[in-house]
N, C-alpha and C. Protein backbone atom coordinates (compact mmCIF):
# COMPACT_ATOMS: atom_id res chain seq x y z
N MET A 1 14.54 11.88 8.95
CA MET A 1 13.20 11.42 7.66
C MET A 1 13.56 11.35 6.84
N ILE A 2 12.93 10.50 5.94
CA ILE A 2 12.52 10.59 4.57
C ILE A 2 10.96 11.40 4.13
N ARG A 3 11.45 12.49 2.65
CA ARG A 3 10.51 13.84 2.17
C ARG A 3 9.67 12.44 1.44
N CYS A 4 8.32 12.23 1.28
CA CYS A 4 7.31 11.76 -0.03
C CYS A 4 6.49 12.57 -0.19
N ASP A 5 7.22 12.94 -1.25
CA ASP A 5 5.64 13.93 -2.02
C ASP A 5 5.05 13.27 -2.76
N ALA A 6 4.70 12.46 -3.29
CA ALA A 6 3.82 11.32 -3.92
C ALA A 6 3.96 9.48 -3.31
N ILE A 7 3.24 9.11 -3.80
CA ILE A 7 2.39 7.43 -3.80
C ILE A 7 2.34 7.16 -4.46
N TRP A 8 2.99 6.07 -4.64
CA TRP A 8 2.48 5.34 -6.53
C TRP A 8 2.37 3.80 -6.07
N LEU A 9 1.18 3.38 -6.07
CA LEU A 9 1.30 2.43 -6.23
C LEU A 9 0.87 1.22 -7.80
N CYS A 10 1.56 0.47 -8.11
CA CYS A 10 2.20 -0.61 -8.44
C CYS A 10 0.57 -1.32 -8.77
N THR A 11 0.10 -1.21 -9.74
CA THR A 11 -1.24 -2.86 -9.19
C THR A 11 -0.96 -3.75 -9.83
N GLN A 12 -0.34 -3.84 -10.68
CA GLN A 12 0.30 -5.50 -11.02
C GLN A 12 1.19 -6.37 -9.81
N ALA A 13 0.75 -7.79 -9.26
CA ALA A 13 1.91 -8.68 -8.67
C ALA A 13 3.26 -8.09 -9.23
N THR A 14 4.20 -8.28 -8.17
CA THR A 14 5.60 -8.84 -8.22
C THR A 14 5.67 -9.54 -7.32
N ASP A 15 7.04 -10.17 -8.06
CA ASP A 15 8.03 -11.06 -7.48
C ASP A 15 8.78 -10.85 -6.18
N MET A 16 8.60 -11.13 -4.93
CA MET A 16 9.00 -10.76 -3.53
C MET A 16 10.58 -10.25 -3.23
N ARG A 17 10.63 -11.99 -3.86
CA ARG A 17 11.86 -12.09 -4.30
C ARG A 17 12.93 -10.84 -4.82
N CYS A 18 12.43 -10.33 -5.97
CA CYS A 18 12.86 -8.77 -6.03
C CYS A 18 13.99 -8.17 -5.32
N GLY A 19 14.80 -7.50 -5.43
CA GLY A 19 15.57 -6.78 -4.67
C GLY A 19 15.35 -5.50 -4.86
N MET A 20 16.27 -4.24 -4.53
CA MET A 20 16.43 -2.92 -4.85
C MET A 20 16.31 -2.75 -6.62
N ASP A 21 17.47 -3.35 -7.43
CA ASP A 21 17.60 -2.86 -8.69
C ASP A 21 16.23 -3.46 -9.54
N ALA A 22 15.83 -4.82 -9.13
CA ALA A 22 14.52 -5.39 -9.65
C ALA A 22 13.30 -4.09 -9.40
N LEU A 23 12.81 -4.03 -8.54
CA LEU A 23 12.24 -3.23 -8.02
C LEU A 23 11.98 -1.56 -9.10
N LEU A 24 13.73 -1.36 -9.51
CA LEU A 24 13.68 0.35 -9.35
C LEU A 24 13.48 -0.08 -11.37
N ALA A 25 13.99 -1.08 -11.98
CA ALA A 25 13.80 -1.25 -12.88
C ALA A 25 11.94 -2.16 -12.99
N GLN A 26 11.39 -1.89 -12.91
CA GLN A 26 9.45 -1.80 -12.39
C GLN A 26 9.19 -0.72 -12.36
N VAL A 27 10.53 0.06 -11.48
CA VAL A 27 9.05 1.83 -11.87
C VAL A 27 9.74 2.26 -13.10
N ILE A 28 10.89 1.85 -13.26
CA ILE A 28 11.21 2.67 -14.42
C ILE A 28 9.83 2.01 -15.98
N LYS A 29 9.89 0.69 -15.92
CA LYS A 29 8.74 0.43 -16.22
C LYS A 29 7.65 0.81 -17.18
N THR A 30 7.01 1.12 -15.35
CA THR A 30 6.14 1.39 -14.97
C THR A 30 5.66 2.54 -15.01
N PHE A 31 6.63 3.56 -14.22
CA PHE A 31 6.52 5.12 -14.54
C PHE A 31 7.54 6.56 -15.28
N GLY A 32 8.23 5.52 -15.34
CA GLY A 32 9.36 6.43 -16.42
C GLY A 32 10.39 6.34 -15.66
N GLY A 33 10.29 6.67 -15.11
CA GLY A 33 11.46 7.27 -13.84
C GLY A 33 11.31 6.79 -12.86
N ALA A 34 12.16 6.79 -11.49
CA ALA A 34 11.94 7.30 -10.73
C ALA A 34 12.73 8.77 -10.17
N LYS A 35 12.05 9.75 -9.55
CA LYS A 35 11.41 10.61 -9.20
C LYS A 35 11.39 10.95 -7.26
N PRO A 36 12.84 11.82 -7.49
CA PRO A 36 13.06 12.35 -5.64
C PRO A 36 12.21 12.04 -4.95
N HIS A 37 12.41 11.63 -3.80
CA HIS A 37 11.03 11.92 -2.57
C HIS A 37 9.95 11.17 -3.57
N HIS A 38 9.58 10.42 -3.84
CA HIS A 38 8.09 9.82 -4.24
C HIS A 38 8.72 8.56 -4.19
N VAL A 39 7.79 7.25 -2.94
CA VAL A 39 7.84 5.74 -2.52
C VAL A 39 6.60 4.73 -3.95
N TYR A 40 7.24 4.19 -3.74
CA TYR A 40 6.53 3.32 -5.79
C TYR A 40 5.84 2.13 -4.42
N LEU A 41 4.77 1.41 -4.75
CA LEU A 41 4.43 0.57 -3.41
C LEU A 41 4.37 -0.94 -4.71
N PHE A 42 4.66 -1.89 -4.18
CA PHE A 42 4.44 -3.12 -5.76
C PHE A 42 4.07 -4.06 -4.00
N SER A 43 3.42 -5.39 -4.66
CA SER A 43 2.62 -6.42 -3.77
C SER A 43 2.53 -7.94 -4.30
N ASN A 44 2.80 -8.21 -4.12
CA ASN A 44 2.96 -10.04 -4.32
C ASN A 44 1.56 -10.07 -4.44
N SER A 45 1.57 -11.74 -5.50
CA SER A 45 -0.03 -12.30 -6.05
C SER A 45 -1.24 -12.10 -5.09
N LYS A 46 -0.31 -12.57 -3.80
CA LYS A 46 -2.01 -12.96 -2.66
C LYS A 46 -2.07 -12.07 -2.27
N ASN A 47 -1.79 -10.26 -2.31
CA ASN A 47 -1.61 -9.29 -1.82
C ASN A 47 -1.41 -9.80 -0.66
N THR A 48 -0.38 -10.65 0.57
CA THR A 48 -0.29 -10.08 1.23
C THR A 48 1.18 -9.49 2.24
N ARG A 49 1.92 -8.50 1.39
CA ARG A 49 3.33 -8.35 1.18
C ARG A 49 3.53 -7.54 0.28
N ILE A 50 3.97 -6.21 0.75
CA ILE A 50 4.15 -4.78 0.21
C ILE A 50 6.26 -4.34 0.87
N LYS A 51 6.00 -3.98 -0.34
CA LYS A 51 7.44 -3.39 -0.83
C LYS A 51 7.35 -2.28 -0.99
N ALA A 52 8.26 -0.85 -0.25
CA ALA A 52 7.68 0.61 -0.49
C ALA A 52 9.04 0.31 -1.09
N VAL A 53 9.81 1.02 -2.23
CA VAL A 53 11.22 1.59 -2.89
C VAL A 53 10.32 3.40 -2.93
N VAL A 54 11.81 4.12 -2.03
CA VAL A 54 11.78 5.65 -1.76
C VAL A 54 12.72 6.02 -2.47
N HIS A 55 13.14 6.75 -3.58
CA HIS A 55 14.36 7.52 -3.59
C HIS A 55 14.20 9.04 -3.12
N ASP A 56 15.24 9.70 -2.34
CA ASP A 56 15.22 10.39 -1.64
C ASP A 56 16.13 11.13 -2.00
N GLY A 57 16.70 10.80 -3.34
CA GLY A 57 16.86 12.22 -3.67
C GLY A 57 18.79 12.37 -4.11
N PHE A 58 18.99 11.59 -3.04
CA PHE A 58 20.51 10.51 -3.10
C PHE A 58 20.88 8.90 -2.55
N GLY A 59 19.50 8.34 -2.58
CA GLY A 59 19.87 6.86 -2.46
C GLY A 59 18.58 5.97 -2.93
N VAL A 60 18.37 4.71 -2.74
CA VAL A 60 17.02 4.27 -1.70
C VAL A 60 17.39 3.60 -0.95
N TRP A 61 16.17 3.79 -0.49
CA TRP A 61 15.64 3.00 0.49
C TRP A 61 14.29 1.75 0.09
N LEU A 62 14.36 0.57 0.59
CA LEU A 62 13.82 -0.20 0.78
C LEU A 62 12.92 -0.91 1.31
N ALA A 63 11.70 -1.11 1.75
CA ALA A 63 11.22 -1.69 2.98
C ALA A 63 9.97 -2.17 2.51
N ASN A 64 9.95 -3.77 3.44
CA ASN A 64 8.77 -4.53 3.47
C ASN A 64 7.87 -4.74 4.72
N ARG A 65 6.72 -4.70 4.15
CA ARG A 65 5.39 -5.09 5.35
C ARG A 65 4.81 -6.12 4.93
N ARG A 66 4.80 -7.24 5.99
CA ARG A 66 4.15 -8.37 5.38
C ARG A 66 2.63 -8.20 6.65
N LEU A 67 1.07 -8.75 6.07
CA LEU A 67 0.18 -8.83 7.01
C LEU A 67 -0.03 -10.00 7.68
N ASN A 68 0.08 -10.03 8.86
CA ASN A 68 -0.24 -11.68 9.08
C ASN A 68 -1.11 -12.72 9.27
N GLN A 69 -2.43 -11.39 9.22
CA GLN A 69 -3.52 -11.86 9.30
C GLN A 69 -4.48 -10.75 7.37
N GLY A 70 -4.82 -11.17 6.97
CA GLY A 70 -5.46 -10.15 5.78
C GLY A 70 -4.66 -10.48 4.56
N LYS A 71 -5.40 -9.71 3.79
CA LYS A 71 -4.88 -8.95 2.54
C LYS A 71 -4.94 -7.35 2.96
N PHE A 72 -3.85 -6.69 1.90
CA PHE A 72 -4.15 -5.06 0.81
C PHE A 72 -4.89 -5.92 0.18
N VAL A 73 -5.54 -4.35 -0.30
CA VAL A 73 -6.77 -4.72 -0.67
C VAL A 73 -6.21 -3.41 -2.32
N TRP A 74 -6.43 -3.53 -3.58
CA TRP A 74 -6.60 -2.98 -4.12
C TRP A 74 -6.65 -3.74 -5.73
N GLN A 75 -7.60 -3.06 -6.63
CA GLN A 75 -7.83 -3.56 -8.09
C GLN A 75 -6.45 -3.14 -8.42
N ARG A 76 -6.82 -4.78 -9.35
CA ARG A 76 -5.26 -4.45 -11.03
C ARG A 76 -5.83 -3.58 -12.26
N THR A 77 -4.92 -2.88 -12.53
CA THR A 77 -5.64 -1.46 -13.36
C THR A 77 -4.95 -1.55 -14.70
N SER A 78 -5.71 -1.66 -15.09
CA SER A 78 -4.60 -1.76 -17.30
C SER A 78 -3.49 -0.52 -17.35
N GLU A 79 -3.88 0.60 -15.80
CA GLU A 79 -2.52 1.35 -16.34
C GLU A 79 -1.43 0.75 -15.44
N GLY A 80 -1.64 -0.29 -14.94
CA GLY A 80 -0.51 -0.98 -13.76
C GLY A 80 0.17 0.24 -12.33
N ARG A 81 -1.18 1.06 -11.96
CA ARG A 81 -0.68 2.56 -11.63
C ARG A 81 -1.19 3.10 -10.77
N ILE A 82 -1.88 3.35 -9.38
CA ILE A 82 -2.36 4.21 -9.22
C ILE A 82 -1.72 4.92 -7.61
N GLN A 83 -2.13 6.65 -7.82
CA GLN A 83 -1.57 7.38 -6.95
C GLN A 83 -2.15 7.36 -5.45
N LEU A 84 -1.55 7.49 -4.68
CA LEU A 84 -2.01 7.60 -3.15
C LEU A 84 -1.74 8.53 -2.29
N ASN A 85 -2.95 9.39 -1.09
CA ASN A 85 -2.62 10.86 -1.06
C ASN A 85 -2.37 9.76 0.57
N SER A 86 -1.78 10.10 1.42
CA SER A 86 -1.01 10.30 2.89
C SER A 86 -2.05 8.80 3.75
N GLU A 87 -3.20 10.21 3.55
CA GLU A 87 -4.54 9.30 3.97
C GLU A 87 -4.70 7.68 3.78
N GLN A 88 -4.56 7.30 2.47
CA GLN A 88 -5.36 6.21 1.54
C GLN A 88 -4.10 5.13 2.06
N PHE A 89 -2.83 5.71 2.21
CA PHE A 89 -1.84 5.03 2.43
C PHE A 89 -1.50 4.59 3.83
N ASP A 90 -1.66 4.79 4.89
CA ASP A 90 -1.77 4.92 5.79
C ASP A 90 -2.82 3.83 6.17
N ALA A 91 -3.67 3.70 6.00
CA ALA A 91 -5.15 3.54 5.90
C ALA A 91 -4.88 1.83 5.50
N LEU A 92 -4.12 1.85 3.73
CA LEU A 92 -3.54 0.31 2.61
C LEU A 92 -2.85 -0.21 3.40
N ILE A 93 -1.66 0.29 4.26
CA ILE A 93 -0.70 -0.55 4.80
C ILE A 93 -1.19 -1.04 6.38
N LEU A 94 -2.87 -0.56 6.31
CA LEU A 94 -2.91 -1.77 7.90
C LEU A 94 -3.96 -2.28 7.50
N GLY A 95 -3.71 -2.80 6.21
CA GLY A 95 -5.11 -3.67 5.39
C GLY A 95 -6.37 -3.03 5.71
N LEU A 96 -6.17 -1.82 5.75
CA LEU A 96 -7.90 -1.24 5.62
C LEU A 96 -8.29 -0.94 4.30
N PRO A 97 -10.32 -0.32 4.18
CA PRO A 97 -10.25 -0.53 2.68
C PRO A 97 -9.88 1.09 2.88
N TRP A 98 -8.59 1.09 1.84
CA TRP A 98 -8.54 2.39 1.85
C TRP A 98 -8.94 3.27 0.63
N GLN A 99 -9.55 2.30 -0.38
CA GLN A 99 -10.50 3.37 -1.11
C GLN A 99 -12.12 3.53 -0.74
N GLN A 100 -12.12 3.79 0.68
CA GLN A 100 -14.10 4.29 0.94
C GLN A 100 -12.88 5.35 1.86
N LEU A 101 -12.22 5.79 1.99
CA LEU A 101 -12.06 6.86 2.51
C LEU A 101 -11.95 7.94 1.72
N SER A 102 -12.65 8.21 0.40
CA SER A 102 -13.53 9.16 -0.13
C SER A 102 -14.47 9.32 0.16
N LEU A 103 -15.01 8.40 -0.27
CA LEU A 103 -16.38 8.25 0.91
C LEU A 103 -16.77 8.97 1.65
N TYR A 104 -15.98 8.66 2.24
CA TYR A 104 -15.58 9.01 3.97
C TYR A 104 -15.86 10.84 3.90
N SER A 105 -15.18 11.23 3.69
CA SER A 105 -14.15 12.31 3.69
C SER A 105 -15.17 13.00 2.65
N ASN A 106 -16.80 12.56 2.14
CA ASN A 106 -17.34 13.70 0.78
C ASN A 106 -18.16 13.17 1.71
N MET A 107 -18.34 12.18 2.20
CA MET A 107 -20.33 12.71 4.55
C MET A 107 -19.42 13.21 4.67
N LYS A 108 -18.31 13.77 5.13
CA LYS A 108 -18.12 14.58 6.83
C LYS A 108 -18.63 16.37 6.15
N SER A 109 -17.67 16.07 4.75
CA SER A 109 -18.46 17.48 4.04
C SER A 109 -19.89 17.66 3.80
N ILE A 110 -20.17 16.83 4.33
CA ILE A 110 -21.95 17.50 4.04
C ILE A 110 -22.74 17.46 4.84
């Protein structure tokens, strides 16, 4: 099992032809380095595909996800990155509106 201590979303569009080395270079540029047990997510400009790079402390994993319908939803940010919690990640990879999860969590506590 791969341990994930943090999940990071790179908000700028990425060329999905990039392999592991090019994506790791993007991680270094955007995040300052690849930390063990951190997941880094990248999307194409149409937001229909995601690539995930995971540094597990020994090596690097690369995974792809493509939606047949719909799009992954997030806004591009000037910082170029957003940190997600595991609940937001689960919603994101299903193509659900993960940004609204904090609203639902706050409503449950009322």
